[in-house]
Amino acid sequence: KNPTFEHRSADLKLAADRLAFAKTFNSGQWCIDADYVLVDEAVFDEFNGLVVEAARSLLGDEKAQRGDENPRGGWFNRVVNERHASRVAAFLEEDHGGEVIMGGLGGCDVK
C-alpha cells in the first residue's frame, strides 16, 4: 500500500505537519494517502508527539470535535457508514503491539 518513512535525519516537524494534513485531507479518504508510517526508533517518541501536536493544531480539541459536545457539531467528517465504522472499531481493538495516541473510539456508538 502506501507507506511513509521517517528517518532520524528528516525534518521531523515538517514531516509531522505534512502527515497530519494528509491524513485529515478529505477525512483521509483518498487513494494516495499514507496507510502507515515507519519511524526510525531513535526519533519515534519525538515524531509521535509532533504528529499529535500537528493534528491538534488542525483539528482542535478532541472533545470539541464530537458533535454532542460542540454546539457547531464539529467540522471534521465522521465515518457515516455503520459497516465501515464497525470495521474501524474492530481494527482498533486488535492487538498489533501499537496504541492509539489520539482520538480513538470516543463518541462511536458502534459496538
N, C-alpha and C. Protein backbone atom coordinates (compact mmCIF):
# COMPACT_ATOMS: atom_id res chain seq x y z
N LYS A 1 0.84 -1.18 0.00
CA LYS A 1 0.00 0.00 0.00
C LYS A 1 0.88 1.24 0.00
N ASN A 2 0.59 2.22 0.82
CA ASN A 2 1.29 3.50 0.75
C ASN A 2 1.98 3.84 2.08
N PRO A 3 3.22 3.41 2.25
CA PRO A 3 3.93 3.75 3.49
C PRO A 3 4.58 5.13 3.40
N THR A 4 4.91 5.66 4.55
CA THR A 4 5.78 6.83 4.62
C THR A 4 6.90 6.46 5.59
N PHE A 5 8.09 6.91 5.32
CA PHE A 5 9.27 6.58 6.12
C PHE A 5 9.81 7.84 6.77
N GLU A 6 10.11 7.78 8.05
CA GLU A 6 10.68 8.92 8.76
C GLU A 6 12.01 8.50 9.37
N HIS A 7 13.08 9.03 8.82
CA HIS A 7 14.44 8.73 9.27
C HIS A 7 14.87 9.81 10.27
N ARG A 8 15.79 9.47 11.14
CA ARG A 8 16.26 10.43 12.14
C ARG A 8 16.84 11.70 11.53
N SER A 9 17.27 11.65 10.27
CA SER A 9 17.84 12.84 9.64
C SER A 9 16.78 13.74 9.00
N ALA A 10 15.52 13.30 9.03
CA ALA A 10 14.44 14.08 8.41
C ALA A 10 14.11 15.31 9.24
N ASP A 11 13.49 16.28 8.60
CA ASP A 11 12.92 17.43 9.31
C ASP A 11 11.61 16.91 9.91
N LEU A 12 11.67 16.46 11.15
CA LEU A 12 10.54 15.78 11.77
C LEU A 12 9.31 16.66 11.92
N LYS A 13 9.51 17.93 12.22
CA LYS A 13 8.38 18.85 12.35
C LYS A 13 7.66 18.99 11.02
N LEU A 14 8.41 19.19 9.95
CA LEU A 14 7.82 19.31 8.62
C LEU A 14 7.10 18.01 8.24
N ALA A 15 7.74 16.88 8.50
CA ALA A 15 7.14 15.59 8.17
C ALA A 15 5.85 15.37 8.96
N ALA A 16 5.85 15.72 10.24
CA ALA A 16 4.65 15.57 11.07
C ALA A 16 3.53 16.48 10.59
N ASP A 17 3.86 17.71 10.26
CA ASP A 17 2.85 18.65 9.76
C ASP A 17 2.23 18.14 8.47
N ARG A 18 3.06 17.65 7.58
CA ARG A 18 2.55 17.16 6.29
C ARG A 18 1.74 15.87 6.46
N LEU A 19 2.18 15.00 7.35
CA LEU A 19 1.44 13.77 7.59
C LEU A 19 0.06 14.08 8.19
N ALA A 20 0.02 14.98 9.17
CA ALA A 20 -1.26 15.34 9.79
C ALA A 20 -2.20 15.95 8.75
N PHE A 21 -1.68 16.81 7.90
CA PHE A 21 -2.52 17.40 6.86
C PHE A 21 -3.03 16.32 5.90
N ALA A 22 -2.12 15.45 5.47
CA ALA A 22 -2.50 14.41 4.51
C ALA A 22 -3.55 13.47 5.09
N LYS A 23 -3.41 13.13 6.38
CA LYS A 23 -4.36 12.19 7.00
C LYS A 23 -5.71 12.84 7.26
N THR A 24 -5.78 14.15 7.33
CA THR A 24 -7.07 14.81 7.56
C THR A 24 -7.69 15.36 6.28
N PHE A 25 -6.90 15.48 5.21
CA PHE A 25 -7.43 15.96 3.93
C PHE A 25 -8.51 14.99 3.46
N ASN A 26 -9.67 15.49 3.15
CA ASN A 26 -10.79 14.66 2.70
C ASN A 26 -11.04 13.50 3.68
N SER A 27 -10.84 13.79 4.96
CA SER A 27 -11.02 12.80 6.03
C SER A 27 -10.13 11.58 5.84
N GLY A 28 -8.99 11.76 5.18
CA GLY A 28 -8.06 10.66 4.97
C GLY A 28 -8.53 9.67 3.94
N GLN A 29 -9.58 10.02 3.22
CA GLN A 29 -10.15 9.08 2.26
C GLN A 29 -9.77 9.47 0.84
N TRP A 30 -8.53 9.24 0.53
CA TRP A 30 -8.07 9.42 -0.84
C TRP A 30 -7.02 8.36 -1.13
N CYS A 31 -6.95 7.93 -2.35
CA CYS A 31 -6.23 6.70 -2.69
C CYS A 31 -4.71 6.81 -2.57
N ILE A 32 -4.15 8.01 -2.48
CA ILE A 32 -2.70 8.12 -2.37
C ILE A 32 -2.27 8.49 -0.95
N ASP A 33 -3.18 8.39 -0.01
CA ASP A 33 -2.89 8.71 1.38
C ASP A 33 -1.95 7.67 1.98
N ALA A 34 -1.13 8.09 2.93
CA ALA A 34 -0.24 7.16 3.62
C ALA A 34 -1.07 6.20 4.46
N ASP A 35 -0.84 4.91 4.30
CA ASP A 35 -1.57 3.91 5.07
C ASP A 35 -0.90 3.62 6.41
N TYR A 36 0.41 3.75 6.44
CA TYR A 36 1.13 3.51 7.68
C TYR A 36 2.45 4.27 7.64
N VAL A 37 3.05 4.43 8.83
CA VAL A 37 4.28 5.21 8.97
C VAL A 37 5.34 4.33 9.62
N LEU A 38 6.50 4.27 9.01
CA LEU A 38 7.65 3.57 9.57
C LEU A 38 8.61 4.64 10.09
N VAL A 39 8.87 4.61 11.39
CA VAL A 39 9.65 5.67 12.02
C VAL A 39 10.93 5.09 12.62
N ASP A 40 12.03 5.76 12.38
CA ASP A 40 13.31 5.39 12.98
C ASP A 40 13.14 5.36 14.50
N GLU A 41 13.52 4.25 15.13
CA GLU A 41 13.35 4.11 16.59
C GLU A 41 13.96 5.25 17.37
N ALA A 42 15.06 5.81 16.87
CA ALA A 42 15.76 6.88 17.58
C ALA A 42 14.90 8.14 17.73
N VAL A 43 13.90 8.31 16.87
CA VAL A 43 13.08 9.53 16.91
C VAL A 43 11.58 9.21 17.05
N PHE A 44 11.27 7.96 17.39
CA PHE A 44 9.88 7.51 17.43
C PHE A 44 9.01 8.36 18.36
N ASP A 45 9.41 8.51 19.61
CA ASP A 45 8.61 9.26 20.58
C ASP A 45 8.49 10.73 20.19
N GLU A 46 9.59 11.31 19.74
CA GLU A 46 9.56 12.71 19.31
C GLU A 46 8.60 12.90 18.14
N PHE A 47 8.67 12.00 17.17
CA PHE A 47 7.81 12.12 15.99
C PHE A 47 6.34 11.95 16.38
N ASN A 48 6.03 10.97 17.23
CA ASN A 48 4.65 10.79 17.69
C ASN A 48 4.11 12.07 18.32
N GLY A 49 4.90 12.69 19.18
CA GLY A 49 4.48 13.93 19.82
C GLY A 49 4.23 15.04 18.82
N LEU A 50 5.09 15.13 17.81
CA LEU A 50 4.93 16.16 16.79
C LEU A 50 3.70 15.93 15.93
N VAL A 51 3.38 14.67 15.65
CA VAL A 51 2.18 14.36 14.86
C VAL A 51 0.93 14.73 15.65
N VAL A 52 0.89 14.39 16.94
CA VAL A 52 -0.26 14.74 17.77
C VAL A 52 -0.41 16.26 17.83
N GLU A 53 0.69 16.96 18.02
CA GLU A 53 0.68 18.43 18.06
C GLU A 53 0.14 19.00 16.74
N ALA A 54 0.61 18.47 15.63
CA ALA A 54 0.17 18.95 14.31
C ALA A 54 -1.31 18.65 14.09
N ALA A 55 -1.76 17.46 14.50
CA ALA A 55 -3.17 17.09 14.33
C ALA A 55 -4.06 17.98 15.19
N ARG A 56 -3.65 18.23 16.42
CA ARG A 56 -4.45 19.11 17.29
C ARG A 56 -4.49 20.53 16.74
N SER A 57 -3.41 20.95 16.12
CA SER A 57 -3.38 22.27 15.50
C SER A 57 -4.41 22.37 14.38
N LEU A 58 -4.57 21.29 13.63
CA LEU A 58 -5.54 21.27 12.53
C LEU A 58 -6.97 21.03 13.01
N LEU A 59 -7.14 20.13 13.96
CA LEU A 59 -8.48 19.68 14.36
C LEU A 59 -9.04 20.34 15.59
N GLY A 60 -8.17 20.91 16.41
CA GLY A 60 -8.63 21.45 17.68
C GLY A 60 -8.72 20.37 18.73
N ASP A 61 -9.34 20.71 19.84
CA ASP A 61 -9.50 19.78 20.94
C ASP A 61 -10.33 18.57 20.52
N GLU A 62 -9.91 17.39 20.94
CA GLU A 62 -10.61 16.16 20.55
C GLU A 62 -12.07 16.15 21.00
N LYS A 63 -12.34 16.58 22.23
CA LYS A 63 -13.72 16.59 22.72
C LYS A 63 -14.57 17.56 21.93
N ALA A 64 -13.99 18.68 21.53
CA ALA A 64 -14.75 19.67 20.77
C ALA A 64 -15.12 19.18 19.38
N GLN A 65 -14.44 18.14 18.91
CA GLN A 65 -14.75 17.62 17.59
C GLN A 65 -15.97 16.71 17.59
N ARG A 66 -16.36 16.21 18.76
CA ARG A 66 -17.55 15.37 18.82
C ARG A 66 -18.78 16.26 18.74
N GLY A 67 -19.68 15.93 17.88
CA GLY A 67 -20.87 16.74 17.65
C GLY A 67 -21.69 17.00 18.90
N ASP A 68 -21.77 16.03 19.82
CA ASP A 68 -22.60 16.21 21.00
C ASP A 68 -21.99 17.17 22.00
N GLU A 69 -20.71 17.46 21.88
CA GLU A 69 -20.06 18.36 22.82
C GLU A 69 -19.70 19.70 22.18
N ASN A 70 -19.97 19.83 20.90
CA ASN A 70 -19.64 21.05 20.18
C ASN A 70 -20.94 21.62 19.61
N PRO A 71 -21.32 22.83 20.03
CA PRO A 71 -22.58 23.38 19.54
C PRO A 71 -22.64 23.51 18.02
N ARG A 72 -21.49 23.62 17.39
CA ARG A 72 -21.47 23.70 15.92
C ARG A 72 -21.44 22.32 15.28
N GLY A 73 -21.33 21.28 16.08
CA GLY A 73 -21.35 19.93 15.54
C GLY A 73 -20.01 19.40 15.11
N GLY A 74 -18.94 20.15 15.33
CA GLY A 74 -17.62 19.71 14.89
C GLY A 74 -17.49 19.81 13.38
N TRP A 75 -16.32 20.13 12.89
CA TRP A 75 -16.18 20.30 11.43
C TRP A 75 -15.60 19.08 10.76
N PHE A 76 -14.96 18.20 11.50
CA PHE A 76 -14.28 17.07 10.88
C PHE A 76 -15.28 15.98 10.57
N ASN A 77 -15.24 15.46 9.36
CA ASN A 77 -16.19 14.42 8.94
C ASN A 77 -16.05 13.17 9.77
N ARG A 78 -17.16 12.48 9.91
CA ARG A 78 -17.20 11.22 10.63
C ARG A 78 -17.31 10.07 9.63
N VAL A 79 -17.10 8.88 10.13
CA VAL A 79 -17.39 7.70 9.33
C VAL A 79 -18.91 7.55 9.37
N VAL A 80 -19.55 7.64 8.23
CA VAL A 80 -21.01 7.69 8.21
C VAL A 80 -21.65 6.35 7.92
N ASN A 81 -20.88 5.38 7.47
CA ASN A 81 -21.40 4.07 7.13
C ASN A 81 -21.17 3.14 8.32
N GLU A 82 -22.23 2.54 8.84
CA GLU A 82 -22.10 1.69 10.03
C GLU A 82 -21.16 0.50 9.80
N ARG A 83 -21.20 -0.09 8.61
CA ARG A 83 -20.32 -1.22 8.30
C ARG A 83 -18.85 -0.80 8.40
N HIS A 84 -18.53 0.35 7.84
CA HIS A 84 -17.15 0.82 7.88
C HIS A 84 -16.76 1.21 9.31
N ALA A 85 -17.67 1.83 10.05
CA ALA A 85 -17.38 2.19 11.44
C ALA A 85 -17.08 0.94 12.26
N SER A 86 -17.83 -0.13 12.02
CA SER A 86 -17.58 -1.39 12.72
C SER A 86 -16.22 -1.96 12.35
N ARG A 87 -15.84 -1.83 11.09
CA ARG A 87 -14.54 -2.32 10.62
C ARG A 87 -13.41 -1.55 11.30
N VAL A 88 -13.55 -0.22 11.37
CA VAL A 88 -12.53 0.61 12.03
C VAL A 88 -12.44 0.24 13.51
N ALA A 89 -13.59 0.11 14.18
CA ALA A 89 -13.60 -0.25 15.60
C ALA A 89 -12.92 -1.59 15.83
N ALA A 90 -13.20 -2.57 14.99
CA ALA A 90 -12.58 -3.90 15.13
C ALA A 90 -11.07 -3.82 14.93
N PHE A 91 -10.64 -3.02 13.97
CA PHE A 91 -9.20 -2.87 13.73
C PHE A 91 -8.51 -2.26 14.95
N LEU A 92 -9.12 -1.24 15.55
CA LEU A 92 -8.52 -0.59 16.71
C LEU A 92 -8.47 -1.52 17.92
N GLU A 93 -9.39 -2.48 17.98
CA GLU A 93 -9.42 -3.41 19.10
C GLU A 93 -8.41 -4.55 18.95
N GLU A 94 -7.92 -4.79 17.73
CA GLU A 94 -6.93 -5.85 17.52
C GLU A 94 -5.62 -5.45 18.17
N ASP A 95 -4.91 -6.41 18.68
CA ASP A 95 -3.63 -6.14 19.34
C ASP A 95 -2.49 -6.40 18.37
N HIS A 96 -1.93 -5.32 17.86
CA HIS A 96 -0.77 -5.42 16.97
C HIS A 96 0.47 -4.82 17.63
N GLY A 97 0.39 -4.60 18.93
CA GLY A 97 1.53 -4.05 19.65
C GLY A 97 1.58 -2.53 19.60
N GLY A 98 0.58 -1.91 19.03
CA GLY A 98 0.54 -0.45 18.95
C GLY A 98 -0.43 0.12 19.96
N GLU A 99 -0.57 1.42 19.93
CA GLU A 99 -1.52 2.09 20.80
C GLU A 99 -2.09 3.30 20.09
N VAL A 100 -3.32 3.63 20.43
CA VAL A 100 -3.95 4.82 19.89
C VAL A 100 -3.41 6.00 20.68
N ILE A 101 -2.79 6.97 20.01
CA ILE A 101 -2.18 8.10 20.71
C ILE A 101 -3.03 9.36 20.66
N MET A 102 -4.10 9.34 19.88
CA MET A 102 -5.01 10.48 19.82
C MET A 102 -6.34 9.98 19.28
N GLY A 103 -7.42 10.49 19.81
CA GLY A 103 -8.73 10.11 19.29
C GLY A 103 -9.16 8.78 19.84
N GLY A 104 -9.42 7.84 18.98
CA GLY A 104 -9.91 6.54 19.39
C GLY A 104 -11.38 6.40 19.08
N LEU A 105 -12.08 5.65 19.90
CA LEU A 105 -13.48 5.37 19.63
C LEU A 105 -14.44 6.28 20.39
N GLY A 106 -13.95 7.32 21.01
CA GLY A 106 -14.83 8.23 21.74
C GLY A 106 -15.96 8.73 20.87
N GLY A 107 -17.18 8.57 21.34
CA GLY A 107 -18.33 9.02 20.58
C GLY A 107 -18.81 8.03 19.54
N CYS A 108 -18.15 6.89 19.41
CA CYS A 108 -18.56 5.88 18.44
C CYS A 108 -19.59 4.97 19.11
N ASP A 109 -20.79 4.94 18.55
CA ASP A 109 -21.83 4.12 19.18
C ASP A 109 -21.95 2.75 18.53
N VAL A 110 -20.98 2.38 17.69
CA VAL A 110 -20.96 1.05 17.10
C VAL A 110 -20.23 0.14 18.07
N LYS A 111 -20.85 -0.95 18.45
CA LYS A 111 -20.24 -1.86 19.44
C LYS A 111 -19.56 -3.01 18.75
